[in-house]
Protein backbone atom coordinates (compact mmCIF):
# COMPACT_ATOMS: atom_id res chain seq x y z
CA UNK A 1 115.86 96.29 113.28
CA UNK A 2 113.62 97.33 116.16
CA UNK A 3 111.57 100.57 116.09
CA UNK A 4 111.66 101.78 119.71
CA UNK A 5 108.56 103.90 119.26
CA UNK A 6 106.38 101.08 117.93
CA UNK A 7 108.08 98.07 119.55
CA UNK A 8 107.95 96.41 116.18
CA UNK A 9 110.50 94.54 114.18
CA UNK A 10 111.00 95.85 110.65
CA UNK A 11 112.54 93.74 107.84
CA UNK A 12 115.04 95.06 105.38
CA UNK A 13 112.19 96.55 103.23
CA UNK A 14 110.02 97.79 106.09
CA UNK A 15 111.11 100.87 107.80
CA UNK A 16 109.65 104.36 108.67
CA UNK A 17 110.96 107.30 106.74
CA UNK A 18 112.24 108.84 110.01
CA UNK A 19 114.54 105.87 110.79
CA UNK A 20 117.91 107.12 112.12
CA UNK A 21 116.60 110.52 112.96
CA UNK A 22 117.59 112.28 116.19
CA UNK A 23 114.11 113.73 116.41
CA UNK A 24 111.09 111.84 117.89
CA UNK A 25 108.36 110.36 115.68
CA UNK A 26 105.93 113.08 116.88
CA UNK A 27 107.97 115.82 115.30
CA UNK A 28 108.03 114.00 112.05
CA UNK A 29 104.25 113.46 112.07
CA UNK A 30 103.65 117.13 112.66
CA UNK A 31 106.11 117.90 109.86
CA UNK A 32 104.10 115.55 107.53
CA UNK A 33 100.91 117.27 108.51
CA UNK A 34 102.27 120.81 107.85
CA UNK A 35 103.88 119.71 104.59
CA UNK A 36 100.58 118.22 103.38
CA UNK A 37 98.86 121.53 104.18
CA UNK A 38 101.30 123.26 101.90
CA UNK A 39 103.33 125.02 104.61
CA UNK A 40 106.65 126.48 103.47
CA UNK A 41 110.03 125.44 104.82
CA UNK A 42 110.32 128.63 106.79
CA UNK A 43 106.86 128.16 108.40
CA UNK A 44 107.75 124.59 109.35
CA UNK A 45 111.13 125.70 110.77
CA UNK A 46 109.28 128.20 113.03
CA UNK A 47 106.62 125.73 114.05
CA UNK A 48 108.90 122.82 114.88
CA UNK A 49 112.18 124.54 115.92
CA UNK A 50 114.32 122.68 113.46
CA UNK A 51 116.86 124.39 111.17
CA UNK A 52 116.33 125.02 107.45
CA UNK A 53 118.69 122.37 106.25
CA UNK A 54 116.94 119.68 108.31
CA UNK A 55 113.52 120.85 107.12
CA UNK A 56 114.65 120.79 103.48
CA UNK A 57 116.22 117.30 103.89
CA UNK A 58 113.10 115.91 105.51
CA UNK A 59 110.88 117.25 102.71
CA UNK A 60 112.88 115.36 100.15
CA UNK A 61 113.22 112.23 102.15
CA UNK A 62 109.41 112.16 102.31
CA UNK A 63 108.92 113.00 98.63
CA UNK A 64 111.50 110.38 97.61
CA UNK A 65 109.71 107.76 99.76
CA UNK A 66 106.46 108.42 97.88
CA UNK A 67 108.00 107.13 94.70
CA UNK A 68 107.14 103.58 95.77
CA UNK A 69 108.53 101.82 92.71
CA UNK A 70 107.28 104.31 90.09
CA UNK A 71 109.32 104.81 86.96
CA UNK A 72 112.40 107.09 86.94
CA UNK A 73 111.35 108.54 83.56
CA UNK A 74 110.63 112.24 83.23
CA UNK A 75 108.27 112.68 80.24
CA UNK A 76 108.05 115.89 78.27
CA UNK A 77 107.87 115.47 74.46
CA UNK A 78 110.12 117.88 72.59
CA UNK A 79 112.37 115.96 70.16
CA UNK A 80 112.96 112.33 69.22
CA UNK A 81 116.23 112.38 71.21
CA UNK A 82 114.32 113.58 74.25
CA UNK A 83 111.80 110.76 73.92
CA UNK A 84 114.56 108.21 73.66
CA UNK A 85 116.23 109.64 76.71
CA UNK A 86 113.19 109.11 78.94
CA UNK A 87 111.53 106.06 77.31
CA UNK A 88 114.69 103.81 77.13
CA UNK A 89 114.24 100.83 79.45
CA UNK A 90 110.67 101.83 80.52
CA UNK A 91 108.54 100.42 77.68
CA UNK A 92 107.24 96.89 77.72
CA UNK A 93 106.88 94.61 74.73
CA UNK A 94 103.09 95.20 74.35
CA UNK A 95 103.17 99.00 74.86
CA UNK A 96 101.05 101.28 72.63
CA UNK A 97 102.16 104.94 72.51
CA UNK A 98 99.25 107.35 72.77
CA UNK A 99 100.28 110.91 71.95
CA UNK A 100 99.04 114.10 70.33
CA UNK A 101 100.07 114.85 66.79
CA UNK A 102 103.70 115.57 67.58
CA UNK A 103 105.97 114.59 64.70
CA UNK A 104 108.82 113.56 67.02
CA UNK A 105 106.51 110.93 68.61
CA UNK A 106 105.55 109.44 65.25
CA UNK A 107 109.19 109.24 64.17
CA UNK A 108 110.21 107.75 67.46
CA UNK A 109 107.53 105.02 67.12
CA UNK A 110 108.56 104.24 63.59
CA UNK A 111 112.23 104.00 64.55
CA UNK A 112 111.46 101.69 67.45
CA UNK A 113 108.76 99.73 65.51
CA UNK A 114 106.17 100.51 68.16
CA UNK A 115 102.39 100.83 67.62
CA UNK A 116 101.17 104.45 68.07
CA UNK A 117 97.86 106.19 68.29
CA UNK A 118 98.01 109.90 67.68
CA UNK A 119 95.00 112.04 68.70
CA UNK A 120 93.85 115.48 67.60
CA UNK A 121 94.57 117.64 70.68
CA UNK A 122 91.34 119.66 70.61
CA UNK A 123 88.89 116.82 69.95
CA UNK A 124 89.94 113.16 70.15
CA UNK A 125 92.38 113.78 73.12
CA UNK A 126 89.41 114.70 75.42
CA UNK A 127 87.21 111.62 74.95
CA UNK A 128 87.10 107.88 74.56
CA UNK A 129 89.42 105.09 75.72
CA UNK A 130 92.63 106.98 74.87
CA UNK A 131 92.27 110.21 76.70
CA UNK A 132 95.20 112.59 76.84
CA UNK A 133 93.17 115.04 78.85
CA UNK A 134 93.83 112.95 82.00
CA UNK A 135 97.56 113.46 81.43
CA UNK A 136 97.02 117.24 80.83
CA UNK A 137 95.04 117.45 84.08
CA UNK A 138 97.83 115.75 85.98
CA UNK A 139 100.35 118.11 84.46
CA UNK A 140 98.19 121.12 85.41
CA UNK A 141 97.85 119.80 89.02
CA UNK A 142 101.66 119.41 89.23
CA UNK A 143 102.22 122.97 88.09
CA UNK A 144 99.62 124.17 90.59
CA UNK A 145 101.30 122.30 93.44
CA UNK A 146 104.67 123.77 92.51
CA UNK A 147 103.27 127.29 92.84
CA UNK A 148 103.08 126.71 96.57
CA UNK A 149 106.84 126.46 96.87
CA UNK A 150 109.47 129.21 96.41
CA UNK A 151 112.24 128.52 93.93
CA UNK A 152 111.96 124.76 93.47
CA UNK A 153 115.35 123.36 92.29
CA UNK A 154 114.75 121.53 89.01
CA UNK A 155 116.96 118.53 90.06
CA UNK A 156 114.27 117.70 92.60
CA UNK A 157 111.47 117.79 90.03
CA UNK A 158 110.57 114.15 90.23
CA UNK A 159 110.28 114.29 94.06
CA UNK A 160 107.62 116.97 93.84
CA UNK A 161 105.82 115.00 91.20
CA UNK A 162 105.54 112.14 93.64
CA UNK A 163 103.45 114.28 95.99
CA UNK A 164 101.14 115.36 93.16
CA UNK A 165 100.62 111.73 92.15
CA UNK A 166 99.82 110.78 95.78
CA UNK A 167 97.15 113.49 95.82
CA UNK A 168 95.77 112.22 92.51
CA UNK A 169 95.61 108.68 93.98
CA UNK A 170 93.68 109.88 97.04
CA UNK A 171 90.89 112.08 95.64
CA UNK A 172 87.78 113.37 97.41
CA UNK A 173 89.16 113.43 100.89
CA UNK A 174 90.03 116.28 103.33
CA UNK A 175 93.54 117.51 103.83
CA UNK A 176 93.51 116.11 107.40
CA UNK A 177 92.59 112.60 106.16
CA UNK A 178 95.23 112.80 103.40
CA UNK A 179 97.86 113.72 105.99
CA UNK A 180 96.93 110.68 108.00
CA UNK A 181 97.20 108.44 104.92
CA UNK A 182 100.51 110.03 104.11
CA UNK A 183 101.82 109.38 107.60
CA UNK A 184 100.66 105.74 107.41
CA UNK A 185 102.34 105.26 104.07
CA UNK A 186 105.64 106.73 105.42
CA UNK A 187 105.71 104.33 108.38
CA UNK A 188 106.59 101.49 106.03
CA UNK A 189 108.73 102.45 102.98
CA UNK A 190 111.05 100.34 100.87
CA UNK A 191 113.95 102.85 100.90
CA UNK A 192 114.95 105.68 103.11
CA UNK A 193 116.92 108.11 100.98
CA UNK A 194 120.26 109.51 102.09
CA UNK A 195 121.12 113.12 101.46
CA UNK A 196 123.68 111.98 98.91
CA UNK A 197 120.94 110.12 96.96
CA UNK A 198 118.88 113.28 96.78
CA UNK A 199 121.69 115.73 95.99
CA UNK A 200 122.97 113.62 92.99
CA UNK A 201 119.73 113.65 91.05
CA UNK A 202 119.99 114.67 87.43
CA UNK A 203 117.52 114.97 84.56
CA UNK A 204 117.51 115.55 80.77
CA UNK A 205 117.94 119.28 79.94
CA UNK A 206 114.45 119.80 78.51
CA UNK A 207 112.69 119.32 81.90
CA UNK A 208 114.21 122.60 83.17
CA UNK A 209 112.66 124.92 80.54
CA UNK A 210 109.39 125.95 82.16
CA UNK A 211 110.33 126.08 85.86
CA UNK A 212 111.09 129.29 87.64
CA UNK A 213 114.84 130.00 88.27
CA UNK A 214 116.36 129.51 91.70
CA UNK A 215 115.94 132.46 94.16
CA UNK A 216 118.87 134.87 94.40
CA UNK A 217 120.20 133.26 97.56
CA UNK A 218 120.38 129.87 95.80
CA UNK A 219 118.29 128.12 98.43
CA UNK A 220 115.27 126.10 97.36
CA UNK A 221 112.61 126.40 100.01
């Protein structure tokens, strides 16, 4: 496949996220910049002259592309069944579970014959080699990022997490520099999601509990 904008041949696993789009690369790059700055869908629509459906689709194509081989698991410890739903198929043979004092985690480890280290949440979890505070900080950053959006649909939860993870992986830089890195990353992605791929996402029920409900018009923007 030839990218007419870059005059470069891309293999099956090398393609820009905007492949197949009717809009030029420059519009996508400006979209990426605005999205990185936290602009809403409506603000982007007004700035770029695209419709809401297109803007929404582009956001999730970008967020999906950021996954880059990361696990499909959605982790939120509530019950042993919940743990089984998200851990199944994602734990290697040498894994050690590091958790707080949740009883469900201990029972899960016993049932699966897995080694487990359980930390006291107010003391041990904040220090040493096994530090749950790093996970808590990531969770807090994710919740903070979500506050910048209006009525996030929960079936797109993982997509939004991908953006938070990207920010965590690029600390200490300006928003402008991060937007440049994001654009560079999206020039070469392993998979460009179709709308069907995004629409059909589903998650275990417990991930929906703490998110805000959809807005009255049912549109996640």
